N, C-alpha and C. Protein backbone atom coordinates (compact mmCIF):
# COMPACT_ATOMS: atom_id res chain seq x y z
N MET A 1 20.11 7.91 -2.77
CA MET A 1 18.77 8.18 -3.15
C MET A 1 18.19 7.27 -1.97
N VAL A 2 17.25 7.79 -1.63
CA VAL A 2 16.18 7.28 -0.17
C VAL A 2 15.34 6.36 -0.81
N ASP A 3 14.92 5.27 -0.19
CA ASP A 3 14.03 4.13 -0.77
C ASP A 3 12.85 4.18 0.21
N GLU A 4 11.63 4.56 -0.22
CA GLU A 4 10.51 5.11 0.60
C GLU A 4 10.47 4.18 1.47
N ASN A 5 10.31 2.80 0.84
CA ASN A 5 9.60 1.74 1.67
C ASN A 5 10.41 1.39 2.58
N LYS A 6 11.78 1.60 2.31
CA LYS A 6 12.71 1.13 3.46
C LYS A 6 12.32 2.46 4.66
N VAL A 7 12.16 3.58 4.13
CA VAL A 7 12.57 4.80 5.33
C VAL A 7 10.88 4.48 6.16
N ASN A 8 10.14 4.08 5.25
CA ASN A 8 8.55 3.66 6.39
C ASN A 8 9.23 2.68 7.45
N LYS A 9 9.53 1.35 6.79
CA LYS A 9 10.30 0.64 7.60
C LYS A 9 10.70 0.51 8.60
N ASP A 10 11.89 1.42 8.21
CA ASP A 10 13.24 1.77 9.27
C ASP A 10 12.39 2.61 10.29
N LEU A 11 11.74 3.68 9.86
CA LEU A 11 10.94 4.44 11.08
C LEU A 11 10.25 3.90 11.76
N SER A 12 9.70 3.13 11.52
CA SER A 12 8.80 1.91 12.41
C SER A 12 9.78 1.18 13.01
N LYS A 13 10.43 0.66 13.09
CA LYS A 13 11.54 -0.77 13.39
C LYS A 13 12.55 0.33 14.58
N ASN A 14 12.53 1.51 13.95
CA ASN A 14 13.67 2.00 15.07
C ASN A 14 13.26 2.79 16.21
N VAL A 15 12.42 3.11 16.25
CA VAL A 15 11.30 3.99 17.09
C VAL A 15 11.70 3.59 18.68
N GLU A 16 12.52 4.27 19.21
CA GLU A 16 12.88 3.86 20.71
C GLU A 16 12.69 4.96 21.46
N GLY A 17 11.29 5.24 22.21
CA GLY A 17 11.04 6.52 22.96
C GLY A 17 11.34 7.61 21.98
N PRO A 18 11.97 8.63 22.69
CA PRO A 18 12.48 10.24 21.87
C PRO A 18 13.11 9.86 20.82
N LYS A 19 14.21 8.91 21.01
CA LYS A 19 14.92 8.77 19.91
C LYS A 19 14.63 7.87 18.66
N SER A 20 14.26 8.62 17.72
CA SER A 20 14.21 7.60 16.53
C SER A 20 15.18 7.72 15.35
N THR A 21 15.38 6.75 14.21
CA THR A 21 16.50 7.09 13.64
C THR A 21 16.03 6.32 11.91
N ILE A 22 16.57 6.87 10.83
CA ILE A 22 16.06 6.35 10.17
C ILE A 22 17.39 5.96 9.34
N MET A 23 17.50 4.87 8.12
CA MET A 23 18.39 4.97 7.35
C MET A 23 18.18 4.96 5.82
N ILE A 24 19.03 5.64 5.48
CA ILE A 24 19.71 6.56 4.27
C ILE A 24 20.63 6.03 3.28
N ASP A 25 20.66 5.22 2.18
CA ASP A 25 21.83 4.05 1.90
C ASP A 25 22.54 4.41 2.91
N ASN A 26 22.32 3.20 3.90
CA ASN A 26 22.96 2.52 4.76
C ASN A 26 23.71 2.94 5.69
N LYS A 27 23.25 4.43 5.91
CA LYS A 27 23.39 5.34 6.81
C LYS A 27 22.33 5.93 8.15
N GLU A 28 22.77 5.54 9.22
CA GLU A 28 21.48 5.71 10.11
C GLU A 28 21.70 7.60 10.72
N TYR A 29 20.44 7.98 10.66
CA TYR A 29 20.52 9.26 11.11
C TYR A 29 19.63 9.41 11.86
N ASN A 30 19.65 10.17 13.04
CA ASN A 30 18.94 10.56 14.11
C ASN A 30 17.76 11.40 13.74
N LEU A 31 16.42 11.19 14.01
CA LEU A 31 15.48 12.31 13.25
C LEU A 31 15.24 13.91 14.06
N ASP A 32 16.01 13.57 15.36
CA ASP A 32 15.86 14.32 16.13
C ASP A 32 16.77 15.51 15.85
N SER A 33 18.02 15.19 15.46
CA SER A 33 19.00 15.73 14.51
C SER A 33 18.81 16.65 13.44
N MET A 34 17.72 16.05 12.77
CA MET A 34 17.50 16.77 11.27
C MET A 34 16.59 17.88 11.53
N THR A 35 16.83 18.58 10.62
CA THR A 35 15.90 20.01 10.50
C THR A 35 14.55 19.86 9.83
N PRO A 36 13.79 20.88 10.57
CA PRO A 36 12.25 20.88 10.14
C PRO A 36 11.28 20.23 8.84
N GLN A 37 12.49 20.99 7.83
CA GLN A 37 12.33 20.80 6.43
C GLN A 37 12.60 19.16 6.21
N GLN A 38 13.72 18.56 6.70
CA GLN A 38 13.98 17.08 6.30
C GLN A 38 12.84 16.09 7.41
N GLN A 39 12.83 16.84 8.70
CA GLN A 39 11.69 15.84 9.24
C GLN A 39 10.45 16.00 8.11
N ARG A 40 9.98 17.21 7.76
CA ARG A 40 8.72 17.46 7.08
C ARG A 40 8.85 16.28 5.70
N ILE A 41 10.03 16.04 4.97
CA ILE A 41 10.03 15.37 4.16
C ILE A 41 9.46 13.78 4.07
N ILE A 42 10.42 13.72 5.57
CA ILE A 42 10.24 12.10 6.16
C ILE A 42 8.85 11.90 5.94
N ALA A 43 7.85 13.21 6.44
CA ALA A 43 7.05 12.56 6.95
C ALA A 43 6.14 12.93 5.57
N HIS A 44 6.43 13.17 4.74
CA HIS A 44 5.46 13.39 3.44
C HIS A 44 6.30 11.63 2.69
N LEU A 45 7.24 11.03 2.88
CA LEU A 45 7.39 10.05 2.27
C LEU A 45 6.73 8.79 3.13
N THR A 46 6.95 8.81 4.39
CA THR A 46 6.10 8.15 5.44
C THR A 46 4.36 8.09 4.30
N ASP A 47 3.92 9.24 5.01
CA ASP A 47 2.41 9.13 4.39
C ASP A 47 2.32 8.85 2.53
N LEU A 48 3.08 9.00 1.76
CA LEU A 48 2.90 8.64 0.63
C LEU A 48 3.15 7.16 0.44
N THR A 49 4.34 6.64 1.27
CA THR A 49 4.08 5.41 1.57
C THR A 49 2.67 4.36 2.27
N ASN A 50 2.39 4.99 3.64
CA ASN A 50 1.06 4.60 3.49
C ASN A 50 0.21 4.51 2.61
N LYS A 51 -0.06 5.82 1.63
CA LYS A 51 -1.32 5.71 1.00
C LYS A 51 -1.51 4.95 -0.25
N SER A 52 0.39 4.60 -0.89
CA SER A 52 0.30 3.41 -1.76
C SER A 52 0.34 2.27 -1.24
N ASP A 53 0.33 2.39 -0.26
CA ASP A 53 -0.09 1.00 0.14
C ASP A 53 -1.67 0.55 0.42
N GLN A 54 -2.28 1.18 0.74
CA GLN A 54 -3.42 1.51 0.95
C GLN A 54 -4.62 1.44 -0.61
N MET A 55 -3.39 1.79 -1.68
CA MET A 55 -4.30 2.08 -2.76
C MET A 55 -3.93 0.81 -3.47
N ARG A 56 -2.91 0.11 -2.96
CA ARG A 56 -2.79 -1.50 -3.35
C ARG A 56 -3.43 -2.62 -2.82
N PHE A 57 -3.74 -2.12 -1.67
CA PHE A 57 -4.89 -2.87 -0.95
C PHE A 57 -6.34 -2.62 -1.41
N GLN A 58 -6.52 -1.50 -1.96
CA GLN A 58 -8.00 -1.58 -2.67
C GLN A 58 -8.24 -1.63 -3.72
N LEU A 59 -7.05 -2.01 -4.69
CA LEU A 59 -6.78 -2.34 -6.00
C LEU A 59 -6.80 -3.80 -5.76
N GLU A 60 -6.56 -4.11 -4.70
CA GLU A 60 -7.09 -5.72 -4.71
C GLU A 60 -8.19 -6.07 -4.52
N GLN A 61 -8.84 -5.65 -3.29
CA GLN A 61 -10.61 -5.72 -3.35
C GLN A 61 -11.29 -5.12 -4.57
N LEU A 62 -10.87 -4.33 -5.55
CA LEU A 62 -11.73 -3.87 -6.63
C LEU A 62 -11.37 -5.23 -7.67
N GLU A 63 -9.92 -5.50 -7.92
CA GLU A 63 -9.84 -6.49 -8.69
C GLU A 63 -10.67 -8.04 -7.92
N PHE A 64 -10.65 -8.24 -7.15
CA PHE A 64 -11.67 -9.27 -6.68
C PHE A 64 -13.05 -9.06 -6.75
N ALA A 65 -13.69 -8.06 -6.59
CA ALA A 65 -14.57 -7.60 -6.92
C ALA A 65 -15.38 -7.81 -8.58
N LYS A 66 -14.49 -7.32 -9.08
CA LYS A 66 -14.34 -7.37 -10.55
C LYS A 66 -14.33 -8.95 -10.79
N ASP A 67 -13.43 -9.95 -10.44
CA ASP A 67 -13.53 -11.01 -10.74
C ASP A 67 -14.56 -11.59 -10.53
N SER A 68 -15.33 -11.50 -9.15
CA SER A 68 -16.43 -11.88 -8.89
C SER A 68 -17.76 -11.67 -9.46
N PHE A 69 -17.74 -10.61 -10.06
CA PHE A 69 -19.27 -9.77 -11.23
C PHE A 69 -18.64 -10.73 -12.02
N VAL A 70 -17.56 -10.87 -13.20
CA VAL A 70 -17.45 -12.23 -14.19
C VAL A 70 -17.98 -13.56 -13.93
N VAL A 71 -17.69 -13.72 -13.15
CA VAL A 71 -18.06 -15.35 -12.90
C VAL A 71 -19.39 -15.10 -12.75
N GLU A 72 -20.24 -14.16 -11.69
CA GLU A 72 -21.50 -14.55 -11.89
C GLU A 72 -21.89 -14.04 -12.97
N LEU A 73 -21.62 -13.01 -14.12
CA LEU A 73 -22.27 -12.72 -15.43
C LEU A 73 -22.49 -14.01 -15.79
N LYS A 74 -20.90 -15.08 -15.91
CA LYS A 74 -20.86 -15.92 -17.01
C LYS A 74 -21.55 -17.43 -16.48
N LYS A 75 -22.16 -17.27 -14.84
CA LYS A 75 -23.29 -18.23 -14.36
C LYS A 75 -24.51 -17.90 -15.08
N LEU A 76 -24.63 -16.51 -14.94
CA LEU A 76 -26.10 -16.12 -15.24
C LEU A 76 -26.19 -16.60 -16.94
N ILE A 77 -25.46 -16.43 -17.71
CA ILE A 77 -25.40 -16.54 -18.82
C ILE A 77 -25.48 -17.60 -19.55
N LYS A 78 -24.94 -18.82 -18.69
CA LYS A 78 -25.05 -20.61 -18.94
C LYS A 78 -26.44 -20.67 -18.50
N ILE A 79 -26.78 -20.08 -17.35
CA ILE A 79 -28.10 -20.63 -16.94
C ILE A 79 -29.34 -19.82 -18.44
N GLU A 80 -28.99 -19.08 -18.81
CA GLU A 80 -29.69 -18.80 -19.75
C GLU A 80 -29.63 -19.62 -20.98
N SER A 81 -28.94 -19.97 -21.15
CA SER A 81 -28.27 -20.62 -22.29
C SER A 81 -29.15 -22.32 -22.15
N VAL A 82 -29.13 -22.31 -20.57
CA VAL A 82 -29.66 -23.67 -20.94
C VAL A 82 -30.91 -23.48 -20.64
N LEU A 83 -31.47 -22.51 -19.97
CA LEU A 83 -33.08 -22.76 -20.11
C LEU A 83 -33.50 -22.66 -21.74
N LYS A 84 -33.02 -21.58 -22.51
CA LYS A 84 -33.16 -22.00 -23.80
C LYS A 84 -33.41 -23.15 -24.36
N GLU A 85 -32.74 -23.75 -24.09
CA GLU A 85 -32.26 -25.24 -24.90
C GLU A 85 -33.21 -25.68 -24.21
N GLN A 86 -33.92 -25.61 -23.21
CA GLN A 86 -35.26 -26.26 -23.02
C GLN A 86 -36.02 -26.43 -23.40
N ASP A 87 -36.31 -24.98 -24.21
CA ASP A 87 -37.59 -24.47 -24.52
C ASP A 87 -37.72 -25.08 -25.68
């Protein structure tokens, strides 16, 4: 079984000039000796890993923004409530 996260990390760690390797199930493979189809699959795995990392990052931003809006709404409701009590 190919661990997508490990594939991406191994690709970035093991690139040494023209020879790059990848670890799959604790076995090292030379990318240059792989078929074009195998290299294409690795490219897909790398791209998908990058996209999922970007989505996690964007989700963090969205969650933070949402929480900020909730805080602001609560603050505005409290201010309105205080103002009504003063009337």
